[in-house]
Amino acid sequence: RRLSVTEEGQAYLRRVAPVLEELDAAAEAAKGARSLPTGLLRITASIAFSDKVLVPLLPVFQAQYPNITVDLHCSDTNLDLIEDGIDLAIRLAPAPQGDLVSSLLMPTHYKVVASPSFLDRSPPCSAPIDLTHLNCLRYALPGLRDTWLFSQAERDAFGVAVTGSPLIANAIALRSAALSGIGVALLADWLIDHDLAAGRLVEIFPEYQSTLSEFETAAWLLYPNRAYLPRKVRVMIDFLKSHLGQATQAT
């Protein structure tokens, strides 16, 4: 009930892949540069980023490119682009390393937030150290749940030990918990900017940078390292960059 490629088959695939890509490029060129790109476009991103950022943009993309079928894989596990046949991945991390081609989509920042109702009934919280006295909503992931990092101006970065319940593995559920008023959360700006603007959440330490692990984080576009980039992938890269802040032509 399960098949796997042999070592010889993998070697054969590596050798013929460039030829197949050249054939695809030639076929696409033969159709004419003015024709609309077509085909199945397989994309992967985290569950939260897919829900809050990508899905709202899909109707606009589909209106522009009706002949492309988007196959969106929402997963908090980093899928293998080659093994899983993924054309384009969006990863939230420091600058990625490895064999994949990476391109900056947009910078990301984290903010310490809570609902107005929670802040109204809690002790004053004017500095990060005050978090030790508050219920903090934490990621249920090793290495990310016990310490939040802060920096300010010329001060060295420092950590604050946080405790609280519940532990939650999904960013969307963590946001919902913060909105319900049960604690303080550290969440990405793209996830909560609308809540901050509407007053549903309040940023507690706007004068500090905050993060779970790395201060220099961003959303990155990743795709297999190959000479030929299909038009369906190229137009999606350009579309995302034009709508999310880093508008540069894909190459």
C-alpha atoms as a PDB file:
ATOM      1  CA  ARG A   1       0.000   0.000   0.000  1.00  0.00           C
ATOM      2  CA  ARG A   2       3.030   2.272  -0.038  1.00  0.00           C
ATOM      3  CA  LEU A   3       5.654   2.959  -2.676  1.00  0.00           C
ATOM      4  CA  SER A   4       9.039   4.668  -2.327  1.00  0.00           C
ATOM      5  CA  VAL A   5      11.658   5.637  -4.873  1.00  0.00           C
ATOM      6  CA  THR A   6      14.815   3.553  -4.857  1.00  0.00           C
ATOM      7  CA  GLU A   7      18.262   5.120  -4.646  1.00  0.00           C
ATOM      8  CA  GLU A   8      18.737   4.449  -8.341  1.00  0.00           C
ATOM      9  CA  GLY A   9      15.370   6.043  -9.090  1.00  0.00           C
ATOM     10  CA  GLN A  10      16.271   9.149  -7.108  1.00  0.00           C
ATOM     11  CA  ALA A  11      19.537   9.472  -9.048  1.00  0.00           C
ATOM     12  CA  TYR A  12      17.637   9.093 -12.318  1.00  0.00           C
ATOM     13  CA  LEU A  13      15.106  11.727 -11.261  1.00  0.00           C
ATOM     14  CA  ARG A  14      17.842  14.216 -10.392  1.00  0.00           C
ATOM     15  CA  ARG A  15      19.376  13.773 -13.832  1.00  0.00           C
ATOM     16  CA  VAL A  16      16.172  14.077 -15.843  1.00  0.00           C
ATOM     17  CA  ALA A  17      14.544  16.861 -13.788  1.00  0.00           C
ATOM     18  CA  PRO A  18      16.466  19.679 -15.556  1.00  0.00           C
ATOM     19  CA  VAL A  19      15.472  18.224 -18.937  1.00  0.00           C
ATOM     20  CA  LEU A  20      11.816  18.093 -17.929  1.00  0.00           C
ATOM     21  CA  GLU A  21      12.005  21.670 -16.698  1.00  0.00           C
ATOM     22  CA  GLU A  22      13.497  22.786 -20.005  1.00  0.00           C
ATOM     23  CA  LEU A  23      10.660  21.027 -21.839  1.00  0.00           C
ATOM     24  CA  ASP A  24       8.126  22.808 -19.631  1.00  0.00           C
ATOM     25  CA  ALA A  25       9.846  26.140 -20.301  1.00  0.00           C
ATOM     26  CA  ALA A  26       9.822  25.509 -24.046  1.00  0.00           C
ATOM     27  CA  ALA A  27       6.150  24.525 -23.997  1.00  0.00           C
ATOM     28  CA  GLU A  28       5.251  27.625 -22.026  1.00  0.00           C
ATOM     29  CA  ALA A  29       7.211  29.864 -24.398  1.00  0.00           C
ATOM     30  CA  ALA A  30       5.453  28.255 -27.349  1.00  0.00           C
ATOM     31  CA  LYS A  31       2.071  29.254 -25.932  1.00  0.00           C
ATOM     32  CA  GLY A  32       3.050  32.876 -26.188  1.00  0.00           C
ATOM     33  CA  ALA A  33       3.970  35.419 -23.547  1.00  0.00           C
ATOM     34  CA  ARG A  34       0.514  37.017 -23.708  1.00  0.00           C
ATOM     35  CA  SER A  35      -1.411  33.923 -22.664  1.00  0.00           C
ATOM     36  CA  LEU A  36      -2.547  33.645 -19.068  1.00  0.00           C
ATOM     37  CA  PRO A  37      -0.550  31.240 -16.879  1.00  0.00           C
ATOM     38  CA  THR A  38      -2.325  27.978 -16.142  1.00  0.00           C
ATOM     39  CA  GLY A  39      -2.014  24.879 -13.993  1.00  0.00           C
ATOM     40  CA  LEU A  40      -2.115  23.628 -10.419  1.00  0.00           C
ATOM     41  CA  LEU A  41      -0.150  25.811  -7.973  1.00  0.00           C
ATOM     42  CA  ARG A  42       0.694  24.015  -4.732  1.00  0.00           C
ATOM     43  CA  ILE A  43       1.466  26.393  -1.837  1.00  0.00           C
ATOM     44  CA  THR A  44       2.161  25.753   1.840  1.00  0.00           C
ATOM     45  CA  ALA A  45       2.083  28.120   4.829  1.00  0.00           C
ATOM     46  CA  SER A  46       1.301  27.959   8.519  1.00  0.00           C
ATOM     47  CA  ILE A  47      -2.321  27.590   9.575  1.00  0.00           C
ATOM     48  CA  ALA A  48      -2.490  31.080  11.088  1.00  0.00           C
ATOM     49  CA  PHE A  49      -0.754  32.844   8.175  1.00  0.00           C
ATOM     50  CA  SER A  50      -2.938  31.025   5.683  1.00  0.00           C
ATOM     51  CA  ASP A  51      -6.116  31.971   7.534  1.00  0.00           C
ATOM     52  CA  LYS A  52      -5.332  35.625   8.295  1.00  0.00           C
ATOM     53  CA  VAL A  53      -3.197  36.668   5.311  1.00  0.00           C
ATOM     54  CA  LEU A  54      -3.377  34.322   2.329  1.00  0.00           C
ATOM     55  CA  VAL A  55      -7.019  33.255   2.169  1.00  0.00           C
ATOM     56  CA  PRO A  56      -8.380  36.851   2.109  1.00  0.00           C
ATOM     57  CA  LEU A  57      -6.156  37.527  -0.934  1.00  0.00           C
ATOM     58  CA  LEU A  58      -7.176  34.440  -2.908  1.00  0.00           C
ATOM     59  CA  PRO A  59     -10.342  35.930  -4.482  1.00  0.00           C
ATOM     60  CA  VAL A  60      -8.262  38.798  -5.893  1.00  0.00           C
ATOM     61  CA  PHE A  61      -5.628  36.395  -7.229  1.00  0.00           C
ATOM     62  CA  GLN A  62      -8.224  34.074  -8.762  1.00  0.00           C
ATOM     63  CA  ALA A  63      -9.913  37.019 -10.481  1.00  0.00           C
ATOM     64  CA  GLN A  64      -6.587  37.997 -12.072  1.00  0.00           C
ATOM     65  CA  TYR A  65      -5.509  34.444 -12.919  1.00  0.00           C
ATOM     66  CA  PRO A  66      -8.634  32.322 -13.421  1.00  0.00           C
ATOM     67  CA  ASN A  67      -6.691  29.521 -15.102  1.00  0.00           C
ATOM     68  CA  ILE A  68      -4.522  28.811 -12.066  1.00  0.00           C
ATOM     69  CA  THR A  69      -5.888  26.407  -9.468  1.00  0.00           C
ATOM     70  CA  VAL A  70      -4.411  27.166  -6.036  1.00  0.00           C
ATOM     71  CA  ASP A  71      -3.838  24.110  -3.848  1.00  0.00           C
ATOM     72  CA  LEU A  72      -3.139  25.576  -0.391  1.00  0.00           C
ATOM     73  CA  HIS A  73      -1.634  23.259   2.237  1.00  0.00           C
ATOM     74  CA  CYS A  74      -2.127  24.828   5.686  1.00  0.00           C
ATOM     75  CA  SER A  75       0.342  23.212   8.054  1.00  0.00           C
ATOM     76  CA  ASP A  76       2.432  24.203  11.058  1.00  0.00           C
ATOM     77  CA  THR A  77       4.903  21.510  10.008  1.00  0.00           C
ATOM     78  CA  ASN A  78       7.502  22.503   7.414  1.00  0.00           C
ATOM     79  CA  LEU A  79       6.708  20.307   4.431  1.00  0.00           C
ATOM     80  CA  ASP A  80       9.483  19.065   2.146  1.00  0.00           C
ATOM     81  CA  LEU A  81       9.012  21.022  -1.073  1.00  0.00           C
ATOM     82  CA  ILE A  82      10.609  18.366  -3.278  1.00  0.00           C
ATOM     83  CA  GLU A  83       9.132  15.279  -1.657  1.00  0.00           C
ATOM     84  CA  ASP A  84       5.655  16.779  -1.280  1.00  0.00           C
ATOM     85  CA  GLY A  85       5.613  18.447  -4.695  1.00  0.00           C
ATOM     86  CA  ILE A  86       5.207  21.980  -3.332  1.00  0.00           C
ATOM     87  CA  ASP A  87       5.768  24.867  -5.751  1.00  0.00           C
ATOM     88  CA  LEU A  88       5.982  27.675  -3.184  1.00  0.00           C
ATOM     89  CA  ALA A  89       6.306  27.846   0.608  1.00  0.00           C
ATOM     90  CA  ILE A  90       5.903  30.760   2.998  1.00  0.00           C
ATOM     91  CA  ARG A  91       7.975  30.385   6.152  1.00  0.00           C
ATOM     92  CA  LEU A  92       7.995  32.630   9.222  1.00  0.00           C
ATOM     93  CA  ALA A  93      11.548  32.610  10.514  1.00  0.00           C
ATOM     94  CA  PRO A  94      14.947  34.313  10.472  1.00  0.00           C
ATOM     95  CA  ALA A  95      16.704  34.288   7.094  1.00  0.00           C
ATOM     96  CA  PRO A  96      16.376  30.688   5.867  1.00  0.00           C
ATOM     97  CA  GLN A  97      19.388  28.531   5.131  1.00  0.00           C
ATOM     98  CA  GLY A  98      19.742  25.595   2.773  1.00  0.00           C
ATOM     99  CA  ASP A  99      19.324  24.713  -0.883  1.00  0.00           C
ATOM    100  CA  LEU A 100      15.983  26.412  -1.443  1.00  0.00           C
ATOM    101  CA  VAL A 101      15.725  29.810  -3.129  1.00  0.00           C
ATOM    102  CA  SER A 102      14.432  32.370  -0.621  1.00  0.00           C
ATOM    103  CA  SER A 103      13.003  35.844  -1.129  1.00  0.00           C
ATOM    104  CA  LEU A 104      11.776  38.284   1.523  1.00  0.00           C
ATOM    105  CA  LEU A 105       8.012  38.682   1.501  1.00  0.00           C
ATOM    106  CA  MET A 106       7.577  41.008   4.495  1.00  0.00           C
ATOM    107  CA  PRO A 107       9.185  41.696   7.881  1.00  0.00           C
ATOM    108  CA  THR A 108       7.315  40.512  10.963  1.00  0.00           C
ATOM    109  CA  HIS A 109       7.255  41.765  14.539  1.00  0.00           C
ATOM    110  CA  TYR A 110       5.793  40.450  17.758  1.00  0.00           C
ATOM    111  CA  LYS A 111       3.762  42.424  20.284  1.00  0.00           C
ATOM    112  CA  VAL A 112       2.691  41.804  23.872  1.00  0.00           C
ATOM    113  CA  VAL A 113      -1.067  42.318  23.980  1.00  0.00           C
ATOM    114  CA  ALA A 114      -4.107  41.826  26.167  1.00  0.00           C
ATOM    115  CA  SER A 115      -7.781  42.701  26.061  1.00  0.00           C
ATOM    116  CA  PRO A 116      -8.990  45.913  27.751  1.00  0.00           C
ATOM    117  CA  SER A 117     -11.136  43.850  30.141  1.00  0.00           C
ATOM    118  CA  PHE A 118      -8.111  41.843  31.309  1.00  0.00           C
ATOM    119  CA  LEU A 119      -6.021  44.983  31.855  1.00  0.00           C
ATOM    120  CA  ASP A 120      -8.847  46.683  33.777  1.00  0.00           C
ATOM    121  CA  ARG A 121      -8.901  43.958  36.423  1.00  0.00           C
ATOM    122  CA  SER A 122      -5.142  43.257  36.561  1.00  0.00           C
ATOM    123  CA  PRO A 123      -2.294  44.889  38.517  1.00  0.00           C
ATOM    124  CA  PRO A 124      -0.485  47.719  36.665  1.00  0.00           C
ATOM    125  CA  CYS A 125       1.899  46.466  33.986  1.00  0.00           C
ATOM    126  CA  SER A 126       4.399  49.159  32.990  1.00  0.00           C
ATOM    127  CA  ALA A 127       7.555  47.076  32.371  1.00  0.00           C
ATOM    128  CA  PRO A 128       8.184  43.560  31.040  1.00  0.00           C
ATOM    129  CA  ILE A 129       9.202  42.303  34.491  1.00  0.00           C
ATOM    130  CA  ASP A 130       5.601  42.907  35.627  1.00  0.00           C
ATOM    131  CA  LEU A 131       4.560  39.957  33.455  1.00  0.00           C
ATOM    132  CA  THR A 132       5.772  37.630  36.210  1.00  0.00           C
ATOM    133  CA  HIS A 133       2.635  38.611  38.162  1.00  0.00           C
ATOM    134  CA  LEU A 134       0.179  38.111  35.291  1.00  0.00           C
ATOM    135  CA  ASN A 135      -1.409  35.132  33.584  1.00  0.00           C
ATOM    136  CA  CYS A 136       0.471  34.723  30.304  1.00  0.00           C
ATOM    137  CA  LEU A 137      -0.952  32.741  27.411  1.00  0.00           C
ATOM    138  CA  ARG A 138       1.909  30.644  26.077  1.00  0.00           C
ATOM    139  CA  TYR A 139       2.768  28.553  23.068  1.00  0.00           C
ATOM    140  CA  ALA A 140       2.751  24.843  23.891  1.00  0.00           C
ATOM    141  CA  LEU A 141       6.035  24.334  22.057  1.00  0.00           C
ATOM    142  CA  PRO A 142       9.385  23.416  23.652  1.00  0.00           C
ATOM    143  CA  GLY A 143      11.738  26.374  23.848  1.00  0.00           C
ATOM    144  CA  LEU A 144       8.991  28.944  23.218  1.00  0.00           C
ATOM    145  CA  ARG A 145       6.766  28.804  26.270  1.00  0.00           C
ATOM    146  CA  ASP A 146       8.763  29.791  29.358  1.00  0.00           C
ATOM    147  CA  THR A 147      10.660  32.962  28.379  1.00  0.00           C
ATOM    148  CA  TRP A 148       9.768  36.051  26.360  1.00  0.00           C
ATOM    149  CA  LEU A 149      12.615  38.206  25.042  1.00  0.00           C
ATOM    150  CA  PHE A 150      12.736  42.010  25.052  1.00  0.00           C
ATOM    151  CA  SER A 151      15.048  44.774  23.866  1.00  0.00           C
ATOM    152  CA  GLN A 152      14.886  48.539  24.017  1.00  0.00           C
ATOM    153  CA  ALA A 153      17.045  51.172  22.318  1.00  0.00           C
ATOM    154  CA  GLU A 154      20.672  50.584  23.364  1.00  0.00           C
ATOM    155  CA  ARG A 155      19.905  48.085  26.128  1.00  0.00           C
ATOM    156  CA  ASP A 156      20.989  44.482  25.725  1.00  0.00           C
ATOM    157  CA  ALA A 157      18.223  42.003  25.089  1.00  0.00           C
ATOM    158  CA  PHE A 158      16.853  40.310  28.175  1.00  0.00           C
ATOM    159  CA  GLY A 159      14.422  37.539  28.964  1.00  0.00           C
ATOM    160  CA  VAL A 160      11.430  37.490  31.281  1.00  0.00           C
ATOM    161  CA  ALA A 161      10.176  34.203  32.709  1.00  0.00           C
ATOM    162  CA  VAL A 162       6.441  33.863  32.097  1.00  0.00           C
ATOM    163  CA  THR A 163       3.878  31.480  33.531  1.00  0.00           C
ATOM    164  CA  GLY A 164       0.196  30.943  33.021  1.00  0.00           C
ATOM    165  CA  SER A 165      -2.547  28.830  31.560  1.00  0.00           C
ATOM    166  CA  PRO A 166      -3.611  27.631  29.086  1.00  0.00           C
ATOM    167  CA  LEU A 167      -0.771  26.417  26.902  1.00  0.00           C
ATOM    168  CA  ILE A 168      -1.860  26.576  23.247  1.00  0.00           C
ATOM    169  CA  ALA A 169      -0.050  25.262  20.166  1.00  0.00           C
ATOM    170  CA  ASN A 170      -1.960  27.227  17.531  1.00  0.00           C
ATOM    171  CA  ALA A 171      -1.547  30.998  17.021  1.00  0.00           C
ATOM    172  CA  ILE A 172      -5.181  31.530  15.991  1.00  0.00           C
ATOM    173  CA  ALA A 173      -6.437  29.874  19.184  1.00  0.00           C
ATOM    174  CA  LEU A 174      -3.910  31.887  21.205  1.00  0.00           C
ATOM    175  CA  ARG A 175      -5.280  35.100  19.697  1.00  0.00           C
ATOM    176  CA  SER A 176      -8.835  33.998  20.542  1.00  0.00           C
ATOM    177  CA  ALA A 177      -7.795  33.333  24.135  1.00  0.00           C
ATOM    178  CA  ALA A 178      -6.313  36.836  24.395  1.00  0.00           C
ATOM    179  CA  LEU A 179      -9.497  38.356  22.945  1.00  0.00           C
ATOM    180  CA  SER A 180     -11.572  36.467  25.523  1.00  0.00           C
ATOM    181  CA  GLY A 181      -9.737  38.295  28.304  1.00  0.00           C
ATOM    182  CA  ILE A 182      -8.012  35.458  30.150  1.00  0.00           C
ATOM    183  CA  GLY A 183      -4.422  36.599  29.816  1.00  0.00           C
ATOM    184  CA  VAL A 184      -1.525  38.342  28.076  1.00  0.00           C
ATOM    185  CA  ALA A 185      -0.203  36.996  24.759  1.00  0.00           C
ATOM    186  CA  LEU A 186       2.826  37.551  22.536  1.00  0.00           C
ATOM    187  CA  LEU A 187       1.561  37.532  18.954  1.00  0.00           C
ATOM    188  CA  ALA A 188       2.725  38.454  15.455  1.00  0.00           C
ATOM    189  CA  ASP A 189       1.698  41.855  14.101  1.00  0.00           C
ATOM    190  CA  TRP A 190       0.055  40.441  10.958  1.00  0.00           C
ATOM    191  CA  LEU A 191      -2.233  38.363  13.182  1.00  0.00           C
ATOM    192  CA  ILE A 192      -3.465  41.148  15.484  1.00  0.00           C
ATOM    193  CA  ASP A 193      -3.074  44.517  13.716  1.00  0.00           C
ATOM    194  CA  HIS A 194      -6.822  44.683  12.998  1.00  0.00           C
ATOM    195  CA  ASP A 195      -7.589  43.879  16.642  1.00  0.00           C
ATOM    196  CA  LEU A 196      -5.271  46.656  17.822  1.00  0.00           C
ATOM    197  CA  ALA A 197      -6.809  49.166  15.432  1.00  0.00           C
ATOM    198  CA  ALA A 198     -10.309  48.240  16.590  1.00  0.00           C
ATOM    199  CA  GLY A 199      -9.373  48.372  20.283  1.00  0.00           C
ATOM    200  CA  ARG A 200     -10.124  44.695  20.879  1.00  0.00           C
ATOM    201  CA  LEU A 201      -6.520  44.235  22.014  1.00  0.00           C
ATOM    202  CA  VAL A 202      -4.049  46.694  23.545  1.00  0.00           C
ATOM    203  CA  GLU A 203      -0.279  46.652  23.044  1.00  0.00           C
ATOM    204  CA  ILE A 204       1.256  46.761  26.528  1.00  0.00           C
ATOM    205  CA  PHE A 205       4.900  47.626  25.797  1.00  0.00           C
ATOM    206  CA  PRO A 206       5.028  49.610  22.513  1.00  0.00           C
ATOM    207  CA  GLU A 207       8.447  51.027  23.433  1.00  0.00           C
ATOM    208  CA  TYR A 208      10.018  47.538  23.513  1.00  0.00           C
ATOM    209  CA  GLN A 209      10.836  45.014  20.838  1.00  0.00           C
ATOM    210  CA  SER A 210       9.638  41.578  21.846  1.00  0.00           C
ATOM    211  CA  THR A 211       9.926  38.063  20.497  1.00  0.00           C
ATOM    212  CA  LEU A 212       9.823  34.388  21.372  1.00  0.00           C
ATOM    213  CA  SER A 213      13.218  33.451  19.966  1.00  0.00           C
ATOM    214  CA  GLU A 214      14.741  35.797  17.337  1.00  0.00           C
ATOM    215  CA  PHE A 215      14.243  39.549  16.879  1.00  0.00           C
ATOM    216  CA  GLU A 216      15.060  39.513  13.154  1.00  0.00           C
ATOM    217  CA  THR A 217      12.147  37.530  11.767  1.00  0.00           C
ATOM    218  CA  ALA A 218      10.205  37.783   8.537  1.00  0.00           C
ATOM    219  CA  ALA A 219       7.888  35.979   6.171  1.00  0.00           C
ATOM    220  CA  TRP A 220       9.957  34.349   3.429  1.00  0.00           C
ATOM    221  CA  LEU A 221       9.010  32.916   0.063  1.00  0.00           C
ATOM    222  CA  LEU A 222      10.806  29.651  -0.674  1.00  0.00           C
ATOM    223  CA  TYR A 223      10.865  27.576  -3.820  1.00  0.00           C
ATOM    224  CA  PRO A 224      13.101  24.800  -5.215  1.00  0.00           C
ATOM    225  CA  ASN A 225      16.483  25.878  -6.500  1.00  0.00           C
ATOM    226  CA  ARG A 226      16.060  25.520 -10.234  1.00  0.00           C
ATOM    227  CA  ALA A 227      16.828  27.584 -13.310  1.00  0.00           C
ATOM    228  CA  TYR A 228      13.266  27.494 -14.614  1.00  0.00           C
ATOM    229  CA  LEU A 229      10.557  29.182 -12.524  1.00  0.00           C
ATOM    230  CA  PRO A 230       7.079  28.382 -13.915  1.00  0.00           C
ATOM    231  CA  ARG A 231       4.923  31.383 -14.756  1.00  0.00           C
ATOM    232  CA  LYS A 232       2.228  30.240 -12.319  1.00  0.00           C
ATOM    233  CA  VAL A 233       4.786  30.485  -9.483  1.00  0.00           C
ATOM    234  CA  ARG A 234       6.277  33.738 -10.752  1.00  0.00           C
ATOM    235  CA  VAL A 235       2.928  35.529 -10.923  1.00  0.00           C
ATOM    236  CA  MET A 236       2.006  34.363  -7.405  1.00  0.00           C
ATOM    237  CA  ILE A 237       5.317  35.667  -6.033  1.00  0.00           C
ATOM    238  CA  ASP A 238       4.795  39.041  -7.720  1.00  0.00           C
ATOM    239  CA  PHE A 239       1.169  39.147  -6.545  1.00  0.00           C
ATOM    240  CA  LEU A 240       2.061  38.454  -2.904  1.00  0.00           C
ATOM    241  CA  LYS A 241       4.873  40.987  -2.896  1.00  0.00           C
ATOM    242  CA  SER A 242       2.696  43.670  -4.442  1.00  0.00           C
ATOM    243  CA  HIS A 243       0.008  43.149  -1.790  1.00  0.00           C
ATOM    244  CA  LEU A 244       2.186  42.542   1.255  1.00  0.00           C
ATOM    245  CA  GLY A 245       4.804  45.233   1.020  1.00  0.00           C
ATOM    246  CA  GLN A 246       7.925  43.949  -0.772  1.00  0.00           C
ATOM    247  CA  ALA A 247       7.001  44.672  -4.382  1.00  0.00           C
ATOM    248  CA  THR A 248       9.929  43.510  -6.514  1.00  0.00           C
ATOM    249  CA  GLN A 249       9.872  41.516  -9.714  1.00  0.00           C
ATOM    250  CA  ALA A 250      10.460  37.772  -9.252  1.00  0.00           C
ATOM    251  CA  THR A 251      13.325  36.325 -11.250  1.00  0.00           C
END
